[in-house]
Amino acid sequence: CEILRKRNGVYLRHDAGLGKTAITYSILNDLQLKKVLIIAPATLLYNLENESKLWYTQHQKVITITSSKELQKYKKEIYTTDVITTISYNLFVILKNLTFLAKCKFEGVVCDEAHSLKSYKSKRVKAFRKFIKYTKYSIYLSATPIVNTILDTWPIFSLLEPKYGKYWEFAHKYAKAFKAPWGWKFYGTRNE
């Protein structure tokens, strides 16, 4: 929790079943955050809602958004009250949803299965980069931090630590990127 207070972001990369969710709620409790956005794959939303009720001692209401229609239904409550809001990555990236969520002034954001933010060119990563500026704390969770190559970690690492620089600087330094006759070639850590 002290790391999060100093840096405003942390990446928990533990194997499945080792307590990333419990650790996350412990951090949220310690920081006494009352308005939190949790972004996760749609299949995990209701499980996260149940985990919130189990681990989060701030006793905030949990609103799970599974459609744009539901977001419209709970819009006023999400905007005006202290709640935990869970939403899928796919709903998060829709521009009108993103614009609204940025205005809600969440104190913290949790990205479960954060390896979903691996492609630096994706709409999801671009949307998240815009949104993260509006929150104070961010927590990233993944049991699979490197899906294919070390380059998959750049979007999150660059949000946590500016020293990682731009994507191509990271690629040259950590994946030994070079231009081959057939295109770019990368070396470095691979998950094979």
N, C-alpha and C. Protein backbone atom coordinates (compact mmCIF):
# COMPACT_ATOMS: atom_id res chain seq x y z
N CYS A 1 0.82 -1.19 0.00
CA CYS A 1 0.00 0.00 0.00
C CYS A 1 0.87 1.27 0.00
N GLU A 2 2.01 1.20 0.69
CA GLU A 2 2.92 2.37 0.70
C GLU A 2 3.44 2.65 -0.71
N ILE A 3 3.70 1.60 -1.48
CA ILE A 3 4.15 1.79 -2.86
C ILE A 3 3.08 2.54 -3.64
N LEU A 4 1.84 2.15 -3.46
CA LEU A 4 0.74 2.79 -4.19
C LEU A 4 0.59 4.25 -3.78
N ARG A 5 0.78 4.55 -2.52
CA ARG A 5 0.70 5.95 -2.07
C ARG A 5 1.78 6.80 -2.71
N LYS A 6 2.97 6.23 -2.88
CA LYS A 6 4.09 6.98 -3.45
C LYS A 6 4.01 7.08 -4.97
N ARG A 7 3.52 6.03 -5.62
CA ARG A 7 3.59 5.97 -7.07
C ARG A 7 2.24 6.08 -7.77
N ASN A 8 1.16 5.93 -7.05
CA ASN A 8 -0.20 6.01 -7.59
C ASN A 8 -0.63 4.81 -8.44
N GLY A 9 0.26 3.82 -8.60
CA GLY A 9 -0.12 2.65 -9.37
C GLY A 9 0.72 1.44 -8.99
N VAL A 10 0.11 0.26 -9.12
CA VAL A 10 0.82 -0.98 -8.80
C VAL A 10 0.30 -2.09 -9.72
N TYR A 11 1.18 -3.03 -10.04
CA TYR A 11 0.86 -4.15 -10.92
C TYR A 11 1.07 -5.43 -10.14
N LEU A 12 -0.02 -6.12 -9.78
CA LEU A 12 0.06 -7.38 -9.05
C LEU A 12 0.03 -8.52 -10.07
N ARG A 13 1.13 -9.26 -10.15
CA ARG A 13 1.26 -10.33 -11.13
C ARG A 13 1.50 -11.66 -10.40
N HIS A 14 0.47 -12.16 -9.76
CA HIS A 14 0.58 -13.42 -9.04
C HIS A 14 -0.14 -14.52 -9.82
N ASP A 15 0.27 -15.76 -9.59
CA ASP A 15 -0.44 -16.88 -10.20
C ASP A 15 -1.88 -16.91 -9.75
N ALA A 16 -2.71 -17.58 -10.53
CA ALA A 16 -4.13 -17.71 -10.21
C ALA A 16 -4.30 -18.36 -8.84
N GLY A 17 -5.23 -17.85 -8.07
CA GLY A 17 -5.55 -18.44 -6.78
C GLY A 17 -4.69 -18.00 -5.62
N LEU A 18 -3.78 -17.05 -5.85
CA LEU A 18 -2.89 -16.61 -4.76
C LEU A 18 -3.36 -15.33 -4.07
N GLY A 19 -4.54 -14.86 -4.39
CA GLY A 19 -5.11 -13.77 -3.61
C GLY A 19 -4.98 -12.37 -4.16
N LYS A 20 -4.89 -12.21 -5.47
CA LYS A 20 -4.80 -10.85 -6.04
C LYS A 20 -6.01 -10.01 -5.66
N THR A 21 -7.19 -10.62 -5.70
CA THR A 21 -8.42 -9.88 -5.38
C THR A 21 -8.44 -9.46 -3.92
N ALA A 22 -8.10 -10.38 -3.02
CA ALA A 22 -8.07 -10.05 -1.59
C ALA A 22 -7.04 -8.96 -1.30
N ILE A 23 -5.88 -9.05 -1.93
CA ILE A 23 -4.84 -8.03 -1.75
C ILE A 23 -5.35 -6.67 -2.25
N THR A 24 -6.02 -6.68 -3.39
CA THR A 24 -6.55 -5.45 -3.97
C THR A 24 -7.53 -4.78 -3.02
N TYR A 25 -8.47 -5.55 -2.48
CA TYR A 25 -9.44 -4.97 -1.56
C TYR A 25 -8.79 -4.53 -0.26
N SER A 26 -7.75 -5.21 0.15
CA SER A 26 -7.00 -4.77 1.33
C SER A 26 -6.39 -3.39 1.07
N ILE A 27 -5.84 -3.21 -0.13
CA ILE A 27 -5.26 -1.91 -0.51
C ILE A 27 -6.34 -0.84 -0.56
N LEU A 28 -7.47 -1.15 -1.19
CA LEU A 28 -8.56 -0.18 -1.29
C LEU A 28 -9.08 0.20 0.09
N ASN A 29 -9.18 -0.80 0.98
CA ASN A 29 -9.61 -0.52 2.36
C ASN A 29 -8.62 0.38 3.07
N ASP A 30 -7.34 0.06 2.93
CA ASP A 30 -6.30 0.83 3.60
C ASP A 30 -6.28 2.29 3.12
N LEU A 31 -6.49 2.49 1.83
CA LEU A 31 -6.53 3.84 1.28
C LEU A 31 -7.87 4.54 1.52
N GLN A 32 -8.84 3.77 1.99
CA GLN A 32 -10.19 4.28 2.27
C GLN A 32 -10.85 4.91 1.04
N LEU A 33 -10.67 4.24 -0.08
CA LEU A 33 -11.29 4.72 -1.31
C LEU A 33 -12.77 4.35 -1.31
N LYS A 34 -13.60 5.29 -1.69
CA LYS A 34 -15.04 5.06 -1.66
C LYS A 34 -15.67 5.01 -3.05
N LYS A 35 -14.99 5.55 -4.03
CA LYS A 35 -15.52 5.55 -5.40
C LYS A 35 -14.48 4.90 -6.31
N VAL A 36 -14.77 3.67 -6.71
CA VAL A 36 -13.79 2.87 -7.45
C VAL A 36 -14.44 2.29 -8.70
N LEU A 37 -13.69 2.28 -9.80
CA LEU A 37 -14.11 1.64 -11.04
C LEU A 37 -13.29 0.37 -11.21
N ILE A 38 -13.97 -0.74 -11.43
CA ILE A 38 -13.29 -2.00 -11.69
C ILE A 38 -13.61 -2.40 -13.12
N ILE A 39 -12.56 -2.59 -13.92
CA ILE A 39 -12.71 -2.98 -15.32
C ILE A 39 -12.20 -4.41 -15.45
N ALA A 40 -13.00 -5.26 -16.07
CA ALA A 40 -12.63 -6.67 -16.18
C ALA A 40 -13.34 -7.29 -17.38
N PRO A 41 -12.92 -8.49 -17.78
CA PRO A 41 -13.69 -9.19 -18.81
C PRO A 41 -15.13 -9.41 -18.32
N ALA A 42 -16.08 -9.37 -19.24
CA ALA A 42 -17.50 -9.48 -18.89
C ALA A 42 -17.81 -10.72 -18.06
N THR A 43 -17.11 -11.81 -18.31
CA THR A 43 -17.38 -13.07 -17.61
C THR A 43 -17.04 -13.00 -16.12
N LEU A 44 -16.27 -12.01 -15.70
CA LEU A 44 -15.87 -11.91 -14.29
C LEU A 44 -16.66 -10.89 -13.48
N LEU A 45 -17.52 -10.11 -14.11
CA LEU A 45 -18.16 -8.98 -13.43
C LEU A 45 -18.95 -9.37 -12.19
N TYR A 46 -19.79 -10.39 -12.30
CA TYR A 46 -20.61 -10.76 -11.13
C TYR A 46 -19.76 -11.39 -10.03
N ASN A 47 -18.72 -12.11 -10.41
CA ASN A 47 -17.80 -12.63 -9.40
C ASN A 47 -17.12 -11.48 -8.66
N LEU A 48 -16.71 -10.45 -9.38
CA LEU A 48 -16.08 -9.29 -8.75
C LEU A 48 -17.07 -8.55 -7.84
N GLU A 49 -18.33 -8.51 -8.25
CA GLU A 49 -19.35 -7.90 -7.39
C GLU A 49 -19.44 -8.66 -6.07
N ASN A 50 -19.46 -9.98 -6.14
CA ASN A 50 -19.52 -10.80 -4.92
C ASN A 50 -18.26 -10.64 -4.07
N GLU A 51 -17.10 -10.60 -4.72
CA GLU A 51 -15.84 -10.41 -4.00
C GLU A 51 -15.80 -9.04 -3.32
N SER A 52 -16.37 -8.03 -3.96
CA SER A 52 -16.43 -6.69 -3.36
C SER A 52 -17.21 -6.72 -2.06
N LYS A 53 -18.34 -7.41 -2.09
CA LYS A 53 -19.17 -7.51 -0.88
C LYS A 53 -18.46 -8.29 0.22
N LEU A 54 -17.62 -9.24 -0.16
CA LEU A 54 -16.91 -10.06 0.81
C LEU A 54 -15.71 -9.34 1.43
N TRP A 55 -14.91 -8.66 0.59
CA TRP A 55 -13.63 -8.13 1.04
C TRP A 55 -13.61 -6.64 1.32
N TYR A 56 -14.50 -5.87 0.74
CA TYR A 56 -14.41 -4.42 0.82
C TYR A 56 -15.15 -3.91 2.04
N THR A 57 -14.45 -3.43 3.03
CA THR A 57 -15.06 -3.05 4.31
C THR A 57 -15.61 -1.62 4.31
N GLN A 58 -15.42 -0.89 3.23
CA GLN A 58 -15.97 0.47 3.17
C GLN A 58 -17.49 0.44 2.96
N HIS A 59 -18.04 -0.74 2.72
CA HIS A 59 -19.48 -0.98 2.62
C HIS A 59 -20.16 -0.09 1.57
N GLN A 60 -19.52 0.04 0.45
CA GLN A 60 -20.11 0.81 -0.63
C GLN A 60 -21.02 -0.09 -1.46
N LYS A 61 -22.01 0.50 -2.07
CA LYS A 61 -22.87 -0.22 -2.99
C LYS A 61 -22.05 -0.62 -4.21
N VAL A 62 -22.33 -1.79 -4.77
CA VAL A 62 -21.65 -2.25 -5.97
C VAL A 62 -22.66 -2.24 -7.11
N ILE A 63 -22.30 -1.56 -8.19
CA ILE A 63 -23.15 -1.53 -9.38
C ILE A 63 -22.39 -2.23 -10.50
N THR A 64 -22.99 -3.28 -11.04
CA THR A 64 -22.38 -4.01 -12.14
C THR A 64 -23.08 -3.61 -13.43
N ILE A 65 -22.29 -3.11 -14.37
CA ILE A 65 -22.80 -2.64 -15.65
C ILE A 65 -22.49 -3.68 -16.71
N THR A 66 -23.55 -4.23 -17.31
CA THR A 66 -23.35 -5.25 -18.35
C THR A 66 -23.85 -4.80 -19.72
N SER A 67 -24.37 -3.58 -19.80
CA SER A 67 -24.84 -3.06 -21.09
C SER A 67 -24.87 -1.52 -21.03
N SER A 68 -24.87 -0.91 -22.18
CA SER A 68 -24.98 0.56 -22.24
C SER A 68 -26.32 1.01 -21.66
N LYS A 69 -27.35 0.19 -21.82
CA LYS A 69 -28.66 0.51 -21.25
C LYS A 69 -28.59 0.56 -19.72
N GLU A 70 -27.88 -0.40 -19.11
CA GLU A 70 -27.73 -0.39 -17.66
C GLU A 70 -26.93 0.83 -17.20
N LEU A 71 -25.92 1.21 -17.98
CA LEU A 71 -25.14 2.40 -17.63
C LEU A 71 -26.05 3.62 -17.60
N GLN A 72 -26.94 3.73 -18.57
CA GLN A 72 -27.90 4.85 -18.59
C GLN A 72 -28.80 4.82 -17.36
N LYS A 73 -29.21 3.62 -16.96
CA LYS A 73 -30.09 3.46 -15.82
C LYS A 73 -29.43 3.93 -14.51
N TYR A 74 -28.14 3.63 -14.34
CA TYR A 74 -27.44 3.95 -13.09
C TYR A 74 -26.56 5.21 -13.18
N LYS A 75 -26.64 5.91 -14.29
CA LYS A 75 -25.75 7.04 -14.54
C LYS A 75 -25.73 8.05 -13.39
N LYS A 76 -26.88 8.49 -12.95
CA LYS A 76 -26.96 9.51 -11.90
C LYS A 76 -26.34 8.99 -10.60
N GLU A 77 -26.66 7.76 -10.26
CA GLU A 77 -26.13 7.18 -9.01
C GLU A 77 -24.60 7.03 -9.07
N ILE A 78 -24.09 6.59 -10.20
CA ILE A 78 -22.63 6.43 -10.35
C ILE A 78 -21.95 7.79 -10.26
N TYR A 79 -22.56 8.79 -10.87
CA TYR A 79 -21.96 10.13 -10.91
C TYR A 79 -22.00 10.84 -9.56
N THR A 80 -23.10 10.67 -8.83
CA THR A 80 -23.30 11.48 -7.62
C THR A 80 -22.96 10.80 -6.30
N THR A 81 -22.85 9.50 -6.27
CA THR A 81 -22.63 8.81 -4.99
C THR A 81 -21.35 8.00 -4.99
N ASP A 82 -20.93 7.60 -3.80
CA ASP A 82 -19.75 6.75 -3.65
C ASP A 82 -20.17 5.31 -3.87
N VAL A 83 -19.74 4.75 -4.97
CA VAL A 83 -20.08 3.37 -5.32
C VAL A 83 -18.87 2.68 -5.93
N ILE A 84 -18.91 1.37 -5.91
CA ILE A 84 -17.97 0.58 -6.71
C ILE A 84 -18.73 0.25 -7.98
N THR A 85 -18.14 0.55 -9.11
CA THR A 85 -18.76 0.27 -10.40
C THR A 85 -17.90 -0.75 -11.12
N THR A 86 -18.51 -1.85 -11.55
CA THR A 86 -17.77 -2.83 -12.36
C THR A 86 -18.30 -2.77 -13.78
N ILE A 87 -17.39 -2.82 -14.73
CA ILE A 87 -17.76 -2.71 -16.14
C ILE A 87 -16.77 -3.54 -16.96
N SER A 88 -17.22 -4.03 -18.10
CA SER A 88 -16.33 -4.83 -18.95
C SER A 88 -15.42 -3.93 -19.78
N TYR A 89 -14.32 -4.48 -20.22
CA TYR A 89 -13.41 -3.74 -21.11
C TYR A 89 -14.15 -3.30 -22.37
N ASN A 90 -14.98 -4.16 -22.92
CA ASN A 90 -15.68 -3.83 -24.17
C ASN A 90 -16.64 -2.66 -24.01
N LEU A 91 -17.35 -2.60 -22.90
CA LEU A 91 -18.24 -1.45 -22.65
C LEU A 91 -17.45 -0.19 -22.32
N PHE A 92 -16.34 -0.37 -21.63
CA PHE A 92 -15.50 0.76 -21.22
C PHE A 92 -15.03 1.57 -22.43
N VAL A 93 -14.65 0.92 -23.52
CA VAL A 93 -14.04 1.63 -24.65
C VAL A 93 -15.03 2.38 -25.53
N ILE A 94 -16.31 2.15 -25.35
CA ILE A 94 -17.30 2.90 -26.14
C ILE A 94 -17.19 4.37 -25.75
N LEU A 95 -16.97 5.22 -26.71
CA LEU A 95 -16.64 6.62 -26.48
C LEU A 95 -17.60 7.33 -25.53
N LYS A 96 -18.90 7.17 -25.71
CA LYS A 96 -19.84 7.88 -24.84
C LYS A 96 -19.74 7.37 -23.40
N ASN A 97 -19.46 6.08 -23.22
CA ASN A 97 -19.28 5.53 -21.87
C ASN A 97 -18.00 6.08 -21.25
N LEU A 98 -16.94 6.10 -22.02
CA LEU A 98 -15.65 6.59 -21.55
C LEU A 98 -15.74 8.06 -21.13
N THR A 99 -16.40 8.86 -21.94
CA THR A 99 -16.57 10.28 -21.63
C THR A 99 -17.31 10.46 -20.31
N PHE A 100 -18.39 9.71 -20.12
CA PHE A 100 -19.15 9.79 -18.87
C PHE A 100 -18.30 9.32 -17.69
N LEU A 101 -17.65 8.18 -17.81
CA LEU A 101 -16.87 7.63 -16.71
C LEU A 101 -15.74 8.57 -16.29
N ALA A 102 -15.14 9.26 -17.24
CA ALA A 102 -14.07 10.21 -16.92
C ALA A 102 -14.58 11.35 -16.06
N LYS A 103 -15.84 11.72 -16.22
CA LYS A 103 -16.43 12.81 -15.44
C LYS A 103 -16.81 12.39 -14.02
N CYS A 104 -16.84 11.10 -13.76
CA CYS A 104 -17.32 10.59 -12.46
C CYS A 104 -16.33 10.77 -11.31
N LYS A 105 -15.11 11.10 -11.61
CA LYS A 105 -14.09 11.35 -10.59
C LYS A 105 -13.89 10.15 -9.66
N PHE A 106 -13.61 8.99 -10.26
CA PHE A 106 -13.29 7.81 -9.47
C PHE A 106 -11.96 8.05 -8.76
N GLU A 107 -11.89 7.63 -7.50
CA GLU A 107 -10.64 7.77 -6.74
C GLU A 107 -9.62 6.73 -7.19
N GLY A 108 -10.12 5.58 -7.61
CA GLY A 108 -9.22 4.52 -8.03
C GLY A 108 -9.84 3.68 -9.13
N VAL A 109 -8.97 3.03 -9.89
CA VAL A 109 -9.41 2.11 -10.93
C VAL A 109 -8.63 0.81 -10.77
N VAL A 110 -9.34 -0.30 -10.92
CA VAL A 110 -8.73 -1.63 -10.86
C VAL A 110 -8.95 -2.29 -12.21
N CYS A 111 -7.89 -2.80 -12.80
CA CYS A 111 -8.00 -3.53 -14.06
C CYS A 111 -7.68 -4.99 -13.79
N ASP A 112 -8.73 -5.81 -13.76
CA ASP A 112 -8.52 -7.24 -13.58
C ASP A 112 -8.21 -7.85 -14.95
N GLU A 113 -7.39 -8.88 -14.95
CA GLU A 113 -6.92 -9.48 -16.21
C GLU A 113 -6.27 -8.37 -17.06
N ALA A 114 -5.36 -7.65 -16.44
CA ALA A 114 -4.74 -6.48 -17.07
C ALA A 114 -3.95 -6.80 -18.33
N HIS A 115 -3.61 -8.07 -18.52
CA HIS A 115 -2.93 -8.42 -19.77
C HIS A 115 -3.83 -8.14 -20.98
N SER A 116 -5.11 -7.84 -20.73
CA SER A 116 -6.01 -7.40 -21.80
C SER A 116 -5.59 -6.04 -22.36
N LEU A 117 -4.70 -5.35 -21.67
CA LEU A 117 -4.18 -4.05 -22.13
C LEU A 117 -2.83 -4.21 -22.81
N LYS A 118 -2.63 -5.29 -23.55
CA LYS A 118 -1.30 -5.60 -24.08
C LYS A 118 -0.96 -4.93 -25.40
N SER A 119 -1.91 -4.65 -26.25
CA SER A 119 -1.61 -4.13 -27.58
C SER A 119 -1.62 -2.61 -27.58
N TYR A 120 -0.46 -2.01 -27.75
CA TYR A 120 -0.35 -0.55 -27.62
C TYR A 120 -1.17 0.21 -28.65
N LYS A 121 -1.56 -0.43 -29.76
CA LYS A 121 -2.34 0.23 -30.79
C LYS A 121 -3.85 0.04 -30.63
N SER A 122 -4.27 -0.78 -29.69
CA SER A 122 -5.69 -1.13 -29.57
C SER A 122 -6.52 0.03 -29.03
N LYS A 123 -7.82 0.02 -29.36
CA LYS A 123 -8.76 1.03 -28.85
C LYS A 123 -8.80 0.97 -27.33
N ARG A 124 -8.71 -0.24 -26.79
CA ARG A 124 -8.79 -0.44 -25.34
C ARG A 124 -7.66 0.29 -24.64
N VAL A 125 -6.44 0.13 -25.10
CA VAL A 125 -5.29 0.78 -24.47
C VAL A 125 -5.35 2.29 -24.68
N LYS A 126 -5.71 2.73 -25.86
CA LYS A 126 -5.82 4.17 -26.12
C LYS A 126 -6.89 4.80 -25.23
N ALA A 127 -8.02 4.12 -25.08
CA ALA A 127 -9.09 4.64 -24.21
C ALA A 127 -8.63 4.68 -22.76
N PHE A 128 -7.95 3.64 -22.33
CA PHE A 128 -7.51 3.60 -20.94
C PHE A 128 -6.47 4.68 -20.66
N ARG A 129 -5.57 4.95 -21.59
CA ARG A 129 -4.57 6.01 -21.42
C ARG A 129 -5.25 7.36 -21.21
N LYS A 130 -6.33 7.62 -21.92
CA LYS A 130 -7.06 8.87 -21.73
C LYS A 130 -7.75 8.91 -20.37
N PHE A 131 -8.36 7.79 -19.99
CA PHE A 131 -9.14 7.73 -18.75
C PHE A 131 -8.27 7.83 -17.50
N ILE A 132 -7.14 7.19 -17.50
CA ILE A 132 -6.31 7.07 -16.29
C ILE A 132 -5.88 8.43 -15.74
N LYS A 133 -5.86 9.43 -16.56
CA LYS A 133 -5.50 10.78 -16.13
C LYS A 133 -6.49 11.35 -15.11
N TYR A 134 -7.69 10.79 -15.06
CA TYR A 134 -8.75 11.31 -14.20
C TYR A 134 -8.87 10.58 -12.87
N THR A 135 -7.99 9.63 -12.59
CA THR A 135 -8.04 8.89 -11.32
C THR A 135 -6.73 9.06 -10.58
N LYS A 136 -6.79 8.91 -9.28
CA LYS A 136 -5.57 9.06 -8.49
C LYS A 136 -4.78 7.76 -8.40
N TYR A 137 -5.47 6.65 -8.19
CA TYR A 137 -4.79 5.37 -8.00
C TYR A 137 -5.22 4.35 -9.06
N SER A 138 -4.27 3.51 -9.46
CA SER A 138 -4.59 2.43 -10.39
C SER A 138 -3.92 1.15 -9.92
N ILE A 139 -4.67 0.06 -10.03
CA ILE A 139 -4.18 -1.26 -9.65
C ILE A 139 -4.44 -2.19 -10.83
N TYR A 140 -3.40 -2.87 -11.27
CA TYR A 140 -3.49 -3.80 -12.38
C TYR A 140 -3.25 -5.21 -11.86
N LEU A 141 -4.11 -6.14 -12.28
CA LEU A 141 -4.02 -7.53 -11.81
C LEU A 141 -3.89 -8.47 -12.99
N SER A 142 -2.99 -9.43 -12.89
CA SER A 142 -2.88 -10.44 -13.95
C SER A 142 -2.11 -11.66 -13.46
N ALA A 143 -2.59 -12.82 -13.83
CA ALA A 143 -1.83 -14.05 -13.59
C ALA A 143 -1.01 -14.39 -14.83
N THR A 144 -1.18 -13.60 -15.91
CA THR A 144 -0.47 -13.82 -17.17
C THR A 144 0.10 -12.49 -17.65
N PRO A 145 1.12 -11.97 -16.99
CA PRO A 145 1.61 -10.63 -17.38
C PRO A 145 2.25 -10.57 -18.76
N ILE A 146 2.87 -11.67 -19.19
CA ILE A 146 3.48 -11.70 -20.52
C ILE A 146 2.73 -12.74 -21.34
N VAL A 147 1.86 -12.29 -22.22
CA VAL A 147 1.07 -13.22 -23.02
C VAL A 147 1.92 -13.80 -24.14
N ASN A 148 2.60 -12.95 -24.89
CA ASN A 148 3.44 -13.42 -26.00
C ASN A 148 4.89 -13.00 -25.84
N THR A 149 5.13 -11.70 -25.71
CA THR A 149 6.50 -11.19 -25.59
C THR A 149 6.54 -10.11 -24.51
N ILE A 150 7.74 -9.68 -24.18
CA ILE A 150 7.93 -8.62 -23.19
C ILE A 150 7.22 -7.32 -23.63
N LEU A 151 7.03 -7.17 -24.93
CA LEU A 151 6.36 -5.97 -25.44
C LEU A 151 4.91 -5.87 -24.96
N ASP A 152 4.31 -7.00 -24.59
CA ASP A 152 2.94 -6.98 -24.07
C ASP A 152 2.84 -6.20 -22.75
N THR A 153 3.94 -6.05 -22.06
CA THR A 153 3.92 -5.37 -20.76
C THR A 153 4.05 -3.85 -20.88
N TRP A 154 4.48 -3.36 -22.04
CA TRP A 154 4.75 -1.93 -22.18
C TRP A 154 3.56 -1.03 -21.83
N PRO A 155 2.34 -1.30 -22.31
CA PRO A 155 1.25 -0.36 -21.98
C PRO A 155 1.09 -0.12 -20.48
N ILE A 156 1.16 -1.17 -19.68
CA ILE A 156 1.00 -1.00 -18.23
C ILE A 156 2.26 -0.41 -17.61
N PHE A 157 3.42 -0.93 -17.98
CA PHE A 157 4.67 -0.40 -17.42
C PHE A 157 4.80 1.09 -17.70
N SER A 158 4.43 1.53 -18.90
CA SER A 158 4.57 2.95 -19.24
C SER A 158 3.60 3.83 -18.46
N LEU A 159 2.45 3.27 -18.07
CA LEU A 159 1.52 4.03 -17.23
C LEU A 159 2.04 4.14 -15.80
N LEU A 160 2.70 3.08 -15.34
CA LEU A 160 3.21 3.06 -13.96
C LEU A 160 4.51 3.85 -13.81
N GLU A 161 5.33 3.81 -14.83
CA GLU A 161 6.67 4.41 -14.71
C GLU A 161 7.06 5.08 -16.03
N PRO A 162 7.04 6.40 -16.07
CA PRO A 162 7.38 7.11 -17.31
C PRO A 162 8.77 6.79 -17.87
N LYS A 163 9.68 6.29 -17.04
CA LYS A 163 11.03 6.01 -17.52
C LYS A 163 11.05 4.97 -18.64
N TYR A 164 9.96 4.18 -18.77
CA TYR A 164 9.92 3.19 -19.85
C TYR A 164 9.71 3.83 -21.20
N GLY A 165 9.38 5.10 -21.23
CA GLY A 165 9.32 5.88 -22.46
C GLY A 165 8.28 5.42 -23.46
N LYS A 166 8.54 5.76 -24.69
CA LYS A 166 7.65 5.42 -25.78
C LYS A 166 7.83 3.95 -26.17
N TYR A 167 6.83 3.42 -26.86
CA TYR A 167 6.82 2.00 -27.23
C TYR A 167 8.11 1.58 -27.94
N TRP A 168 8.51 2.33 -28.95
CA TRP A 168 9.68 1.91 -29.73
C TRP A 168 10.97 2.01 -28.92
N GLU A 169 11.06 2.95 -28.00
CA GLU A 169 12.23 3.00 -27.10
C GLU A 169 12.27 1.73 -26.26
N PHE A 170 11.13 1.34 -25.74
CA PHE A 170 11.01 0.12 -24.94
C PHE A 170 11.37 -1.11 -25.79
N ALA A 171 10.86 -1.15 -27.02
CA ALA A 171 11.12 -2.29 -27.91
C ALA A 171 12.61 -2.43 -28.20
N HIS A 172 13.28 -1.31 -28.44
CA HIS A 172 14.72 -1.37 -28.72
C HIS A 172 15.52 -1.79 -27.49
N LYS A 173 15.14 -1.27 -26.34
CA LYS A 173 15.90 -1.54 -25.13
C LYS A 173 15.67 -2.94 -24.57
N TYR A 174 14.41 -3.38 -24.52
CA TYR A 174 14.09 -4.63 -23.83
C TYR A 174 13.81 -5.81 -24.75
N ALA A 175 13.50 -5.56 -26.03
CA ALA A 175 13.23 -6.65 -26.95
C ALA A 175 14.21 -6.66 -28.12
N LYS A 176 15.24 -5.84 -28.03
CA LYS A 176 16.29 -5.78 -29.05
C LYS A 176 15.70 -5.70 -30.46
N ALA A 177 14.79 -4.76 -30.65
CA ALA A 177 14.12 -4.59 -31.94
C ALA A 177 15.13 -4.16 -33.01
N PHE A 178 14.99 -4.74 -34.18
CA PHE A 178 15.80 -4.29 -35.31
C PHE A 178 15.01 -4.52 -36.60
N LYS A 179 15.35 -3.74 -37.60
CA LYS A 179 14.67 -3.81 -38.89
C LYS A 179 15.34 -4.88 -39.73
N ALA A 180 14.60 -5.91 -40.05
CA ALA A 180 15.09 -6.99 -40.91
C ALA A 180 14.53 -6.75 -42.32
N PRO A 181 15.04 -7.46 -43.31
CA PRO A 181 14.55 -7.25 -44.68
C PRO A 181 13.04 -7.49 -44.83
N TRP A 182 12.44 -8.32 -44.00
CA TRP A 182 11.03 -8.67 -44.10
C TRP A 182 10.16 -7.92 -43.09
N GLY A 183 10.75 -7.02 -42.29
CA GLY A 183 10.00 -6.25 -41.29
C GLY A 183 10.74 -6.22 -39.97
N TRP A 184 10.07 -5.77 -38.94
CA TRP A 184 10.70 -5.65 -37.62
C TRP A 184 10.83 -7.01 -36.95
N LYS A 185 11.96 -7.21 -36.30
CA LYS A 185 12.24 -8.45 -35.57
C LYS A 185 12.50 -8.08 -34.11
N PHE A 186 11.96 -8.88 -33.19
CA PHE A 186 12.12 -8.64 -31.76
C PHE A 186 12.69 -9.86 -31.08
N TYR A 187 13.58 -9.63 -30.15
CA TYR A 187 14.10 -10.70 -29.30
C TYR A 187 13.71 -10.37 -27.87
N GLY A 188 14.21 -11.11 -26.94
CA GLY A 188 13.89 -10.85 -25.54
C GLY A 188 12.98 -11.93 -25.00
N THR A 189 12.40 -11.68 -23.87
CA THR A 189 11.58 -12.67 -23.19
C THR A 189 10.33 -13.00 -23.98
N ARG A 190 10.08 -14.30 -24.15
CA ARG A 190 8.89 -14.80 -24.83
C ARG A 190 8.21 -15.82 -23.95
N ASN A 191 6.90 -15.88 -24.05
CA ASN A 191 6.12 -16.89 -23.32
C ASN A 191 5.81 -18.01 -24.31
N GLU A 192 6.73 -18.98 -24.41
CA GLU A 192 6.54 -20.08 -25.39
C GLU A 192 6.45 -21.40 -24.69
